[in-house]
């Protein structure tokens, strides 16, 4: 297996390939995962929310261009549940990480508040056996 130095770590080539395709620009994380997008905005700290600004600038622009309604933030705003294929990504990431014996750093809910009530999804995907997948990532999930 080819080993490549990437940023602060030496990583096997399958992990480098994964990060080149799906990695994040967030310095302390390898990947980001959002089971839904949106938030209730319950505090004054929300006035400076990067996730809302990113969603409005990038995600909503793409949604409107595709003829879809924008995601509304704040009290009463509808949360957007991401596609099933997106919600299954952690299963694939875990498999790749386990095969490479690497622990990935995943920032979960980078565009949402995981404390949102009620959440629009039941959470992380389950394996085919119905149990939680082997944990090969470190994250906020």
C-alpha atoms as a PDB file:
ATOM      1  CA  UNK A   1       0.000   0.000   0.000  1.00  0.00           C
ATOM      2  CA  UNK A   2       1.334   3.424  -0.946  1.00  0.00           C
ATOM      3  CA  UNK A   3       1.839   5.836   1.955  1.00  0.00           C
ATOM      4  CA  UNK A   4       1.508   9.606   1.367  1.00  0.00           C
ATOM      5  CA  UNK A   5       2.211  12.507   3.727  1.00  0.00           C
ATOM      6  CA  UNK A   6      -0.847  14.752   3.751  1.00  0.00           C
ATOM      7  CA  UNK A   7      -0.809  17.882   5.933  1.00  0.00           C
ATOM      8  CA  UNK A   8       0.070  16.731   9.450  1.00  0.00           C
ATOM      9  CA  UNK A   9      -0.234  12.963   8.853  1.00  0.00           C
ATOM     10  CA  UNK A  10       1.157  10.156   6.791  1.00  0.00           C
ATOM     11  CA  UNK A  11      -1.790   8.376   5.172  1.00  0.00           C
ATOM     12  CA  UNK A  12      -2.305   5.303   2.980  1.00  0.00           C
ATOM     13  CA  UNK A  13      -3.240   6.009  -0.639  1.00  0.00           C
ATOM     14  CA  UNK A  14      -6.892   4.869  -0.300  1.00  0.00           C
ATOM     15  CA  UNK A  15      -7.397   7.520   2.410  1.00  0.00           C
ATOM     16  CA  UNK A  16      -5.634  10.171   0.314  1.00  0.00           C
ATOM     17  CA  UNK A  17      -7.930   9.285  -2.604  1.00  0.00           C
ATOM     18  CA  UNK A  18     -11.001   9.580  -0.372  1.00  0.00           C
ATOM     19  CA  UNK A  19      -9.905  12.952   1.001  1.00  0.00           C
ATOM     20  CA  UNK A  20      -9.086  14.294  -2.456  1.00  0.00           C
ATOM     21  CA  UNK A  21     -12.652  13.414  -3.590  1.00  0.00           C
ATOM     22  CA  UNK A  22     -14.681  14.223  -0.493  1.00  0.00           C
ATOM     23  CA  UNK A  23     -12.417  15.963   2.016  1.00  0.00           C
ATOM     24  CA  UNK A  24     -13.107  19.285   3.662  1.00  0.00           C
ATOM     25  CA  UNK A  25     -11.144  22.510   3.790  1.00  0.00           C
ATOM     26  CA  UNK A  26     -11.675  22.608   7.566  1.00  0.00           C
ATOM     27  CA  UNK A  27      -8.182  22.250   9.026  1.00  0.00           C
ATOM     28  CA  UNK A  28      -9.035  20.011  11.979  1.00  0.00           C
ATOM     29  CA  UNK A  29     -11.350  17.630  10.097  1.00  0.00           C
ATOM     30  CA  UNK A  30     -10.946  15.180   7.228  1.00  0.00           C
ATOM     31  CA  UNK A  31     -14.602  15.005   6.194  1.00  0.00           C
ATOM     32  CA  UNK A  32     -17.924  16.631   7.033  1.00  0.00           C
ATOM     33  CA  UNK A  33     -21.270  14.880   7.441  1.00  0.00           C
ATOM     34  CA  UNK A  34     -24.723  16.409   7.560  1.00  0.00           C
ATOM     35  CA  UNK A  35     -27.798  14.251   8.014  1.00  0.00           C
ATOM     36  CA  UNK A  36     -29.829  17.432   7.614  1.00  0.00           C
ATOM     37  CA  UNK A  37     -29.187  21.127   6.959  1.00  0.00           C
ATOM     38  CA  UNK A  38     -30.685  23.962   8.980  1.00  0.00           C
ATOM     39  CA  UNK A  39     -31.075  25.162  12.547  1.00  0.00           C
ATOM     40  CA  UNK A  40     -33.502  26.877  14.927  1.00  0.00           C
ATOM     41  CA  UNK A  41     -31.094  29.759  15.744  1.00  0.00           C
ATOM     42  CA  UNK A  42     -31.825  29.908  19.461  1.00  0.00           C
ATOM     43  CA  UNK A  43     -29.144  32.273  20.770  1.00  0.00           C
ATOM     44  CA  UNK A  44     -27.514  35.644  20.029  1.00  0.00           C
ATOM     45  CA  UNK A  45     -24.383  33.706  19.005  1.00  0.00           C
ATOM     46  CA  UNK A  46     -26.363  32.561  15.970  1.00  0.00           C
ATOM     47  CA  UNK A  47     -26.054  36.063  14.509  1.00  0.00           C
ATOM     48  CA  UNK A  48     -22.512  35.134  13.411  1.00  0.00           C
ATOM     49  CA  UNK A  49     -23.312  31.625  12.156  1.00  0.00           C
ATOM     50  CA  UNK A  50     -20.965  30.502   9.370  1.00  0.00           C
ATOM     51  CA  UNK A  51     -23.233  27.554   8.512  1.00  0.00           C
ATOM     52  CA  UNK A  52     -26.216  29.770   7.718  1.00  0.00           C
ATOM     53  CA  UNK A  53     -24.051  32.098   5.613  1.00  0.00           C
ATOM     54  CA  UNK A  54     -22.462  29.154   3.770  1.00  0.00           C
ATOM     55  CA  UNK A  55     -25.881  27.623   3.147  1.00  0.00           C
ATOM     56  CA  UNK A  56     -27.302  30.885   1.852  1.00  0.00           C
ATOM     57  CA  UNK A  57     -24.295  31.613  -0.362  1.00  0.00           C
ATOM     58  CA  UNK A  58     -23.568  28.145  -1.767  1.00  0.00           C
ATOM     59  CA  UNK A  59     -26.203  25.522  -0.983  1.00  0.00           C
ATOM     60  CA  UNK A  60     -29.288  27.682  -1.511  1.00  0.00           C
ATOM     61  CA  UNK A  61     -27.854  29.212  -4.673  1.00  0.00           C
ATOM     62  CA  UNK A  62     -27.451  25.706  -6.128  1.00  0.00           C
ATOM     63  CA  UNK A  63     -30.930  24.668  -4.940  1.00  0.00           C
ATOM     64  CA  UNK A  64     -32.605  27.715  -6.511  1.00  0.00           C
ATOM     65  CA  UNK A  65     -30.666  27.179  -9.762  1.00  0.00           C
ATOM     66  CA  UNK A  66     -32.001  23.591  -9.793  1.00  0.00           C
ATOM     67  CA  UNK A  67     -35.573  24.809  -9.251  1.00  0.00           C
ATOM     68  CA  UNK A  68     -35.739  23.709  -5.604  1.00  0.00           C
ATOM     69  CA  UNK A  69     -36.827  25.885  -2.692  1.00  0.00           C
ATOM     70  CA  UNK A  70     -34.096  27.371  -0.492  1.00  0.00           C
ATOM     71  CA  UNK A  71     -33.454  25.984   2.975  1.00  0.00           C
ATOM     72  CA  UNK A  72     -34.936  28.342   5.584  1.00  0.00           C
ATOM     73  CA  UNK A  73     -33.017  28.918   8.815  1.00  0.00           C
ATOM     74  CA  UNK A  74     -34.402  30.041  12.150  1.00  0.00           C
ATOM     75  CA  UNK A  75     -37.507  29.291  14.178  1.00  0.00           C
ATOM     76  CA  UNK A  76     -40.118  27.584  12.047  1.00  0.00           C
ATOM     77  CA  UNK A  77     -37.745  27.108   9.135  1.00  0.00           C
ATOM     78  CA  UNK A  78     -37.924  23.674   7.563  1.00  0.00           C
ATOM     79  CA  UNK A  79     -34.856  21.488   7.953  1.00  0.00           C
ATOM     80  CA  UNK A  80     -33.651  19.798   4.783  1.00  0.00           C
ATOM     81  CA  UNK A  81     -32.850  16.108   5.178  1.00  0.00           C
ATOM     82  CA  UNK A  82     -29.934  15.187   2.947  1.00  0.00           C
ATOM     83  CA  UNK A  83     -30.202  12.398   0.388  1.00  0.00           C
ATOM     84  CA  UNK A  84     -30.107   8.796   1.534  1.00  0.00           C
ATOM     85  CA  UNK A  85     -26.890   8.236  -0.442  1.00  0.00           C
ATOM     86  CA  UNK A  86     -25.280  11.091   1.504  1.00  0.00           C
ATOM     87  CA  UNK A  87     -26.464   9.679   4.829  1.00  0.00           C
ATOM     88  CA  UNK A  88     -24.847   6.331   3.976  1.00  0.00           C
ATOM     89  CA  UNK A  89     -21.400   7.838   3.346  1.00  0.00           C
ATOM     90  CA  UNK A  90     -20.129   7.172   6.901  1.00  0.00           C
ATOM     91  CA  UNK A  91     -20.576   3.426   6.316  1.00  0.00           C
ATOM     92  CA  UNK A  92     -18.286   3.600   3.270  1.00  0.00           C
ATOM     93  CA  UNK A  93     -15.831   5.910   5.064  1.00  0.00           C
ATOM     94  CA  UNK A  94     -15.663   3.475   7.992  1.00  0.00           C
ATOM     95  CA  UNK A  95     -14.975   0.554   5.642  1.00  0.00           C
ATOM     96  CA  UNK A  96     -12.169   2.433   3.860  1.00  0.00           C
ATOM     97  CA  UNK A  97     -10.703   3.615   7.181  1.00  0.00           C
ATOM     98  CA  UNK A  98     -10.862   0.134   8.719  1.00  0.00           C
ATOM     99  CA  UNK A  99      -9.124  -1.406   5.694  1.00  0.00           C
ATOM    100  CA  UNK A 100      -6.377   1.238   5.942  1.00  0.00           C
ATOM    101  CA  UNK A 101      -6.221   1.097   9.770  1.00  0.00           C
ATOM    102  CA  UNK A 102      -6.763   4.863   9.976  1.00  0.00           C
ATOM    103  CA  UNK A 103      -9.074   6.914  12.173  1.00  0.00           C
ATOM    104  CA  UNK A 104     -10.763   9.671  10.193  1.00  0.00           C
ATOM    105  CA  UNK A 105     -11.692  13.043  11.721  1.00  0.00           C
ATOM    106  CA  UNK A 106     -15.323  13.766  10.801  1.00  0.00           C
ATOM    107  CA  UNK A 107     -17.108  17.027  11.599  1.00  0.00           C
ATOM    108  CA  UNK A 108     -20.758  16.020  11.922  1.00  0.00           C
ATOM    109  CA  UNK A 109     -23.553  18.549  11.602  1.00  0.00           C
ATOM    110  CA  UNK A 110     -21.320  21.232  10.136  1.00  0.00           C
ATOM    111  CA  UNK A 111     -24.428  22.794   8.537  1.00  0.00           C
ATOM    112  CA  UNK A 112     -26.970  21.982  11.244  1.00  0.00           C
ATOM    113  CA  UNK A 113     -27.548  21.811  14.957  1.00  0.00           C
ATOM    114  CA  UNK A 114     -27.631  18.227  16.154  1.00  0.00           C
ATOM    115  CA  UNK A 115     -29.706  19.385  19.144  1.00  0.00           C
ATOM    116  CA  UNK A 116     -32.530  20.610  16.884  1.00  0.00           C
ATOM    117  CA  UNK A 117     -35.874  19.416  18.172  1.00  0.00           C
ATOM    118  CA  UNK A 118     -37.384  17.574  16.526  1.00  0.00           C
ATOM    119  CA  UNK A 119     -34.603  16.304  14.303  1.00  0.00           C
ATOM    120  CA  UNK A 120     -35.680  15.548  10.737  1.00  0.00           C
ATOM    121  CA  UNK A 121     -33.868  12.212  10.743  1.00  0.00           C
ATOM    122  CA  UNK A 122     -33.307   9.334  13.086  1.00  0.00           C
ATOM    123  CA  UNK A 123     -29.542   9.811  12.958  1.00  0.00           C
ATOM    124  CA  UNK A 124     -26.616   7.771  11.739  1.00  0.00           C
ATOM    125  CA  UNK A 125     -27.175   4.870   9.379  1.00  0.00           C
ATOM    126  CA  UNK A 126     -27.101   1.297  10.624  1.00  0.00           C
ATOM    127  CA  UNK A 127     -25.158  -1.561   9.102  1.00  0.00           C
ATOM    128  CA  UNK A 128     -26.962  -4.363   7.263  1.00  0.00           C
ATOM    129  CA  UNK A 129     -27.103  -6.337  10.512  1.00  0.00           C
ATOM    130  CA  UNK A 130     -28.946  -3.449  12.177  1.00  0.00           C
ATOM    131  CA  UNK A 131     -26.095  -2.640  14.544  1.00  0.00           C
ATOM    132  CA  UNK A 132     -23.996   0.491  14.585  1.00  0.00           C
ATOM    133  CA  UNK A 133     -20.930   0.310  12.321  1.00  0.00           C
ATOM    134  CA  UNK A 134     -17.434  -0.221  13.765  1.00  0.00           C
ATOM    135  CA  UNK A 135     -16.185   3.186  14.829  1.00  0.00           C
ATOM    136  CA  UNK A 136     -13.222   4.152  12.655  1.00  0.00           C
ATOM    137  CA  UNK A 137     -13.802   7.871  12.788  1.00  0.00           C
ATOM    138  CA  UNK A 138     -13.538  10.542  15.393  1.00  0.00           C
ATOM    139  CA  UNK A 139     -16.201  13.178  15.196  1.00  0.00           C
ATOM    140  CA  UNK A 140     -19.017  15.155  16.668  1.00  0.00           C
ATOM    141  CA  UNK A 141     -21.660  12.619  15.617  1.00  0.00           C
END
